[in-house]
């Protein structure tokens, strides 16, 4: 029985390309995380200023219960 021929160069090239892709995805994910962190921190800082506080909605009055005998 003959052994299957393995293209080692092709496997190595695919391995290099996949590592490059994974590295690029990791860098993009880290950049997005840093950008979102900066946005969150700036939003928290601006929310701490007076005048930008959230207002509560007035609660609806409870309905009166009328009992009929």
C-alpha atoms as a PDB file:
ATOM      1  CA  UNK A   1       0.000   0.000   0.000  1.00  0.00           C
ATOM      2  CA  UNK A   2       1.345   3.434  -0.916  1.00  0.00           C
ATOM      3  CA  UNK A   3       1.478   6.232   1.554  1.00  0.00           C
ATOM      4  CA  UNK A   4      -0.455   9.416   0.895  1.00  0.00           C
ATOM      5  CA  UNK A   5       1.687  12.306  -0.233  1.00  0.00           C
ATOM      6  CA  UNK A   6       1.630  15.287   2.149  1.00  0.00           C
ATOM      7  CA  UNK A   7       2.291  18.791   0.890  1.00  0.00           C
ATOM      8  CA  UNK A   8       4.173  20.163   3.880  1.00  0.00           C
ATOM      9  CA  UNK A   9       4.732  23.576   2.304  1.00  0.00           C
ATOM     10  CA  UNK A  10       1.013  23.993   1.759  1.00  0.00           C
ATOM     11  CA  UNK A  11       0.255  23.026   5.364  1.00  0.00           C
ATOM     12  CA  UNK A  12       2.916  25.408   6.696  1.00  0.00           C
ATOM     13  CA  UNK A  13       1.621  28.238   4.494  1.00  0.00           C
ATOM     14  CA  UNK A  14      -1.947  27.664   5.686  1.00  0.00           C
ATOM     15  CA  UNK A  15      -0.714  27.605   9.285  1.00  0.00           C
ATOM     16  CA  UNK A  16       1.114  30.927   8.831  1.00  0.00           C
ATOM     17  CA  UNK A  17      -1.920  32.540   7.207  1.00  0.00           C
ATOM     18  CA  UNK A  18      -4.249  31.352   9.965  1.00  0.00           C
ATOM     19  CA  UNK A  19      -1.897  32.690  12.644  1.00  0.00           C
ATOM     20  CA  UNK A  20      -1.774  36.064  10.880  1.00  0.00           C
ATOM     21  CA  UNK A  21      -5.571  36.158  10.673  1.00  0.00           C
ATOM     22  CA  UNK A  22      -5.969  35.252  14.336  1.00  0.00           C
ATOM     23  CA  UNK A  23      -3.450  37.930  15.328  1.00  0.00           C
ATOM     24  CA  UNK A  24      -5.250  40.572  13.233  1.00  0.00           C
ATOM     25  CA  UNK A  25      -8.597  39.628  14.803  1.00  0.00           C
ATOM     26  CA  UNK A  26      -7.084  39.835  18.294  1.00  0.00           C
ATOM     27  CA  UNK A  27      -5.672  43.302  17.596  1.00  0.00           C
ATOM     28  CA  UNK A  28      -9.015  44.503  16.224  1.00  0.00           C
ATOM     29  CA  UNK A  29     -10.850  43.100  19.270  1.00  0.00           C
ATOM     30  CA  UNK A  30      -8.424  44.793  21.674  1.00  0.00           C
ATOM     31  CA  UNK A  31      -8.755  48.111  19.835  1.00  0.00           C
ATOM     32  CA  UNK A  32     -12.550  47.899  19.989  1.00  0.00           C
ATOM     33  CA  UNK A  33     -12.432  47.073  23.695  1.00  0.00           C
ATOM     34  CA  UNK A  34     -10.186  50.065  24.388  1.00  0.00           C
ATOM     35  CA  UNK A  35     -12.436  52.366  22.336  1.00  0.00           C
ATOM     36  CA  UNK A  36     -15.577  51.206  24.142  1.00  0.00           C
ATOM     37  CA  UNK A  37     -13.855  51.561  27.518  1.00  0.00           C
ATOM     38  CA  UNK A  38     -12.928  55.160  26.680  1.00  0.00           C
ATOM     39  CA  UNK A  39     -16.522  55.903  25.612  1.00  0.00           C
ATOM     40  CA  UNK A  40     -17.885  54.392  28.833  1.00  0.00           C
ATOM     41  CA  UNK A  41     -15.466  56.337  31.019  1.00  0.00           C
ATOM     42  CA  UNK A  42     -16.234  59.613  29.266  1.00  0.00           C
ATOM     43  CA  UNK A  43     -19.978  58.937  29.565  1.00  0.00           C
ATOM     44  CA  UNK A  44     -19.595  58.214  33.282  1.00  0.00           C
ATOM     45  CA  UNK A  45     -17.584  61.404  33.751  1.00  0.00           C
ATOM     46  CA  UNK A  46     -20.189  63.521  31.975  1.00  0.00           C
ATOM     47  CA  UNK A  47     -23.019  61.827  33.882  1.00  0.00           C
ATOM     48  CA  UNK A  48     -21.409  62.897  37.132  1.00  0.00           C
ATOM     49  CA  UNK A  49     -21.829  66.566  36.205  1.00  0.00           C
ATOM     50  CA  UNK A  50     -24.919  68.327  37.600  1.00  0.00           C
ATOM     51  CA  UNK A  51     -27.713  68.983  35.154  1.00  0.00           C
ATOM     52  CA  UNK A  52     -27.227  65.726  33.293  1.00  0.00           C
ATOM     53  CA  UNK A  53     -28.806  63.500  35.915  1.00  0.00           C
ATOM     54  CA  UNK A  54     -31.588  61.212  34.800  1.00  0.00           C
ATOM     55  CA  UNK A  55     -35.036  62.215  35.937  1.00  0.00           C
ATOM     56  CA  UNK A  56     -37.459  59.697  37.302  1.00  0.00           C
ATOM     57  CA  UNK A  57     -40.805  59.414  35.645  1.00  0.00           C
ATOM     58  CA  UNK A  58     -43.694  60.299  37.912  1.00  0.00           C
ATOM     59  CA  UNK A  59     -45.476  57.200  39.074  1.00  0.00           C
ATOM     60  CA  UNK A  60     -49.032  56.678  37.942  1.00  0.00           C
ATOM     61  CA  UNK A  61     -51.635  57.077  40.639  1.00  0.00           C
ATOM     62  CA  UNK A  62     -53.169  53.878  41.876  1.00  0.00           C
ATOM     63  CA  UNK A  63     -56.755  53.315  40.825  1.00  0.00           C
ATOM     64  CA  UNK A  64     -59.359  53.598  43.503  1.00  0.00           C
ATOM     65  CA  UNK A  65     -61.154  50.414  44.329  1.00  0.00           C
ATOM     66  CA  UNK A  66     -64.863  50.876  44.760  1.00  0.00           C
ATOM     67  CA  UNK A  67     -66.734  48.048  46.380  1.00  0.00           C
ATOM     68  CA  UNK A  68     -70.356  47.606  45.388  1.00  0.00           C
ATOM     69  CA  UNK A  69     -72.659  45.795  47.831  1.00  0.00           C
END
